[in-house]
PDB file of N, CA and C in Angstrom:
ATOM      1  N   MET A   1      47.380  33.137 -10.607  1.00  0.00           N
ATOM      2  CA  MET A   1      46.790  34.052  -9.649  1.00  0.00           C
ATOM      3  C   MET A   1      45.286  33.739  -9.534  1.00  0.00           C
ATOM      4  N   LYS A   2      44.785  33.735  -8.329  1.00  0.00           N
ATOM      5  CA  LYS A   2      43.376  33.449  -8.085  1.00  0.00           C
ATOM      6  C   LYS A   2      42.536  34.695  -8.372  1.00  0.00           C
ATOM      7  N   PRO A   3      41.256  34.502  -8.682  1.00  0.00           N
ATOM      8  CA  PRO A   3      40.402  35.659  -8.983  1.00  0.00           C
ATOM      9  C   PRO A   3      40.172  36.542  -7.766  1.00  0.00           C
ATOM     10  N   ALA A   4      39.930  37.807  -8.027  1.00  0.00           N
ATOM     11  CA  ALA A   4      39.651  38.778  -6.968  1.00  0.00           C
ATOM     12  C   ALA A   4      38.154  39.084  -6.960  1.00  0.00           C
ATOM     13  N   LEU A   5      37.644  39.449  -5.809  1.00  0.00           N
ATOM     14  CA  LEU A   5      36.241  39.815  -5.667  1.00  0.00           C
ATOM     15  C   LEU A   5      36.163  41.296  -5.304  1.00  0.00           C
ATOM     16  N   LEU A   6      35.556  42.091  -6.173  1.00  0.00           N
ATOM     17  CA  LEU A   6      35.360  43.515  -5.917  1.00  0.00           C
ATOM     18  C   LEU A   6      33.897  43.753  -5.564  1.00  0.00           C
ATOM     19  N   THR A   7      33.664  44.570  -4.555  1.00  0.00           N
ATOM     20  CA  THR A   7      32.306  44.897  -4.126  1.00  0.00           C
ATOM     21  C   THR A   7      32.178  46.408  -4.017  1.00  0.00           C
ATOM     22  N   PHE A   8      31.119  46.941  -4.617  1.00  0.00           N
ATOM     23  CA  PHE A   8      30.812  48.372  -4.519  1.00  0.00           C
ATOM     24  C   PHE A   8      29.429  48.495  -3.904  1.00  0.00           C
ATOM     25  N   ARG A   9      29.313  49.311  -2.859  1.00  0.00           N
ATOM     26  CA  ARG A   9      28.056  49.424  -2.131  1.00  0.00           C
ATOM     27  C   ARG A   9      27.734  50.895  -1.892  1.00  0.00           C
ATOM     28  N   VAL A  10      26.468  51.251  -2.071  1.00  0.00           N
ATOM     29  CA  VAL A  10      25.994  52.607  -1.773  1.00  0.00           C
ATOM     30  C   VAL A  10      24.923  52.490  -0.698  1.00  0.00           C
ATOM     31  N   ARG A  11      25.083  53.228   0.365  1.00  0.00           N
ATOM     32  CA  ARG A  11      24.085  53.238   1.435  1.00  0.00           C
ATOM     33  C   ARG A  11      23.365  54.577   1.433  1.00  0.00           C
ATOM     34  N   ASN A  12      22.056  54.521   1.630  1.00  0.00           N
ATOM     35  CA  ASN A  12      21.203  55.723   1.616  1.00  0.00           C
ATOM     36  C   ASN A  12      21.370  56.462   0.287  1.00  0.00           C
ATOM     37  N   LEU A  13      21.112  55.763  -0.783  1.00  0.00           N
ATOM     38  CA  LEU A  13      21.316  56.272  -2.137  1.00  0.00           C
ATOM     39  C   LEU A  13      20.622  57.608  -2.387  1.00  0.00           C
ATOM     40  N   THR A  14      19.410  57.772  -1.879  1.00  0.00           N
ATOM     41  CA  THR A  14      18.657  59.008  -2.117  1.00  0.00           C
ATOM     42  C   THR A  14      19.004  60.113  -1.127  1.00  0.00           C
ATOM     43  N   ASP A  15      19.904  59.834  -0.192  1.00  0.00           N
ATOM     44  CA  ASP A  15      20.345  60.802   0.814  1.00  0.00           C
ATOM     45  C   ASP A  15      19.165  61.349   1.624  1.00  0.00           C
ATOM     46  N   GLU A  16      18.189  60.478   1.908  1.00  0.00           N
ATOM     47  CA  GLU A  16      17.025  60.863   2.709  1.00  0.00           C
ATOM     48  C   GLU A  16      17.427  61.054   4.163  1.00  0.00           C
ATOM     49  N   LEU A  17      16.764  61.979   4.811  1.00  0.00           N
ATOM     50  CA  LEU A  17      16.954  62.172   6.247  1.00  0.00           C
ATOM     51  C   LEU A  17      15.821  61.426   6.940  1.00  0.00           C
ATOM     52  N   TYR A  18      16.170  60.403   7.702  1.00  0.00           N
ATOM     53  CA  TYR A  18      15.152  59.659   8.420  1.00  0.00           C
ATOM     54  C   TYR A  18      15.708  59.232   9.766  1.00  0.00           C
ATOM     55  N   ALA A  19      14.807  58.920  10.665  1.00  0.00           N
ATOM     56  CA  ALA A  19      15.189  58.532  12.016  1.00  0.00           C
ATOM     57  C   ALA A  19      14.430  57.270  12.409  1.00  0.00           C
ATOM     58  N   THR A  20      15.034  56.504  13.316  1.00  0.00           N
ATOM     59  CA  THR A  20      14.429  55.294  13.835  1.00  0.00           C
ATOM     60  C   THR A  20      14.400  55.376  15.348  1.00  0.00           C
ATOM     61  N   TRP A  21      13.284  55.029  15.941  1.00  0.00           N
ATOM     62  CA  TRP A  21      13.211  54.989  17.394  1.00  0.00           C
ATOM     63  C   TRP A  21      14.022  53.802  17.889  1.00  0.00           C
ATOM     64  N   VAL A  22      14.840  54.009  18.897  1.00  0.00           N
ATOM     65  CA  VAL A  22      15.647  52.926  19.462  1.00  0.00           C
ATOM     66  C   VAL A  22      15.415  52.851  20.956  1.00  0.00           C
ATOM     67  N   GLY A  23      15.480  51.686  21.475  1.00  0.00           N
ATOM     68  CA  GLY A  23      15.298  51.513  22.916  1.00  0.00           C
ATOM     69  C   GLY A  23      13.856  51.733  23.328  1.00  0.00           C
ATOM     70  N   ARG A  24      13.643  51.791  24.617  1.00  0.00           N
ATOM     71  CA  ARG A  24      12.293  51.964  25.148  1.00  0.00           C
ATOM     72  C   ARG A  24      11.942  53.422  25.366  1.00  0.00           C
ATOM     73  N   ALA A  25      12.945  54.261  25.532  1.00  0.00           N
ATOM     74  CA  ALA A  25      12.678  55.678  25.786  1.00  0.00           C
ATOM     75  C   ALA A  25      12.312  56.387  24.483  1.00  0.00           C
ATOM     76  N   ALA A  26      11.284  57.188  24.521  1.00  0.00           N
ATOM     77  CA  ALA A  26      10.842  57.917  23.324  1.00  0.00           C
ATOM     78  C   ALA A  26      11.824  59.000  22.928  1.00  0.00           C
ATOM     79  N   SER A  27      12.762  59.306  23.805  1.00  0.00           N
ATOM     80  CA  SER A  27      13.722  60.370  23.513  1.00  0.00           C
ATOM     81  C   SER A  27      14.961  59.866  22.773  1.00  0.00           C
ATOM     82  N   GLN A  28      15.070  58.561  22.537  1.00  0.00           N
ATOM     83  CA  GLN A  28      16.242  58.006  21.863  1.00  0.00           C
ATOM     84  C   GLN A  28      15.915  57.767  20.387  1.00  0.00           C
ATOM     85  N   VAL A  29      16.555  58.547  19.545  1.00  0.00           N
ATOM     86  CA  VAL A  29      16.315  58.455  18.110  1.00  0.00           C
ATOM     87  C   VAL A  29      17.656  58.254  17.412  1.00  0.00           C
ATOM     88  N   LEU A  30      17.696  57.322  16.476  1.00  0.00           N
ATOM     89  CA  LEU A  30      18.898  57.063  15.689  1.00  0.00           C
ATOM     90  C   LEU A  30      18.722  57.719  14.328  1.00  0.00           C
ATOM     91  N   ILE A  31      19.577  58.693  14.014  1.00  0.00           N
ATOM     92  CA  ILE A  31      19.517  59.399  12.734  1.00  0.00           C
ATOM     93  C   ILE A  31      20.305  58.592  11.699  1.00  0.00           C
ATOM     94  N   ALA A  32      19.746  58.442  10.530  1.00  0.00           N
ATOM     95  CA  ALA A  32      20.401  57.687   9.463  1.00  0.00           C
ATOM     96  C   ALA A  32      21.670  58.403   8.999  1.00  0.00           C
ATOM     97  N   PRO A  33      22.692  57.648   8.656  1.00  0.00           N
ATOM     98  CA  PRO A  33      23.908  58.273   8.128  1.00  0.00           C
ATOM     99  C   PRO A  33      23.669  58.880   6.748  1.00  0.00           C
ATOM    100  N   ARG A  34      24.506  59.809   6.383  1.00  0.00           N
ATOM    101  CA  ARG A  34      24.431  60.433   5.054  1.00  0.00           C
ATOM    102  C   ARG A  34      24.743  59.389   3.993  1.00  0.00           C
ATOM    103  N   ARG A  35      24.635  59.779   2.737  1.00  0.00           N
ATOM    104  CA  ARG A  35      24.962  58.870   1.638  1.00  0.00           C
ATOM    105  C   ARG A  35      26.432  58.477   1.759  1.00  0.00           C
ATOM    106  N   THR A  36      26.685  57.199   1.666  1.00  0.00           N
ATOM    107  CA  THR A  36      28.062  56.717   1.752  1.00  0.00           C
ATOM    108  C   THR A  36      28.328  55.720   0.627  1.00  0.00           C
ATOM    109  N   PHE A  37      29.566  55.684   0.199  1.00  0.00           N
ATOM    110  CA  PHE A  37      30.017  54.751  -0.837  1.00  0.00           C
ATOM    111  C   PHE A  37      31.117  53.876  -0.238  1.00  0.00           C
ATOM    112  N   GLU A  38      31.060  52.594  -0.554  1.00  0.00           N
ATOM    113  CA  GLU A  38      32.076  51.675  -0.064  1.00  0.00           C
ATOM    114  C   GLU A  38      32.610  50.851  -1.231  1.00  0.00           C
ATOM    115  N   LEU A  39      33.886  50.642  -1.239  1.00  0.00           N
ATOM    116  CA  LEU A  39      34.528  49.790  -2.229  1.00  0.00           C
ATOM    117  C   LEU A  39      35.460  48.852  -1.475  1.00  0.00           C
ATOM    118  N   SER A  40      35.306  47.551  -1.719  1.00  0.00           N
ATOM    119  CA  SER A  40      36.178  46.597  -1.053  1.00  0.00           C
ATOM    120  C   SER A  40      36.718  45.592  -2.063  1.00  0.00           C
ATOM    121  N   ALA A  41      37.832  45.031  -1.737  1.00  0.00           N
ATOM    122  CA  ALA A  41      38.460  44.020  -2.594  1.00  0.00           C
ATOM    123  C   ALA A  41      38.912  42.857  -1.724  1.00  0.00           C
ATOM    124  N   LYS A  42      38.620  41.668  -2.193  1.00  0.00           N
ATOM    125  CA  LYS A  42      39.069  40.453  -1.515  1.00  0.00           C
ATOM    126  C   LYS A  42      39.969  39.693  -2.481  1.00  0.00           C
ATOM    127  N   VAL A  43      41.205  39.519  -2.079  1.00  0.00           N
ATOM    128  CA  VAL A  43      42.194  38.857  -2.935  1.00  0.00           C
ATOM    129  C   VAL A  43      42.845  37.751  -2.128  1.00  0.00           C
ATOM    130  N   GLU A  44      42.883  36.564  -2.693  1.00  0.00           N
ATOM    131  CA  GLU A  44      43.565  35.440  -2.061  1.00  0.00           C
ATOM    132  C   GLU A  44      44.878  35.176  -2.788  1.00  0.00           C
ATOM    133  N   PHE A  45      45.912  34.966  -2.004  1.00  0.00           N
ATOM    134  CA  PHE A  45      47.205  34.644  -2.604  1.00  0.00           C
ATOM    135  C   PHE A  45      47.973  33.696  -1.725  1.00  0.00           C
TER     136      PHE A  45
END
């Protein structure tokens, strides 16, 4: 059996609320997502 690759990722670890201006209009703001956890596995067989 070939080795598996496990990946664990945390986004926005501190759960900060922040926004980024997007586009040219000053009224378009992208709010950051809440804290999220991801786990993935890559298996070849």
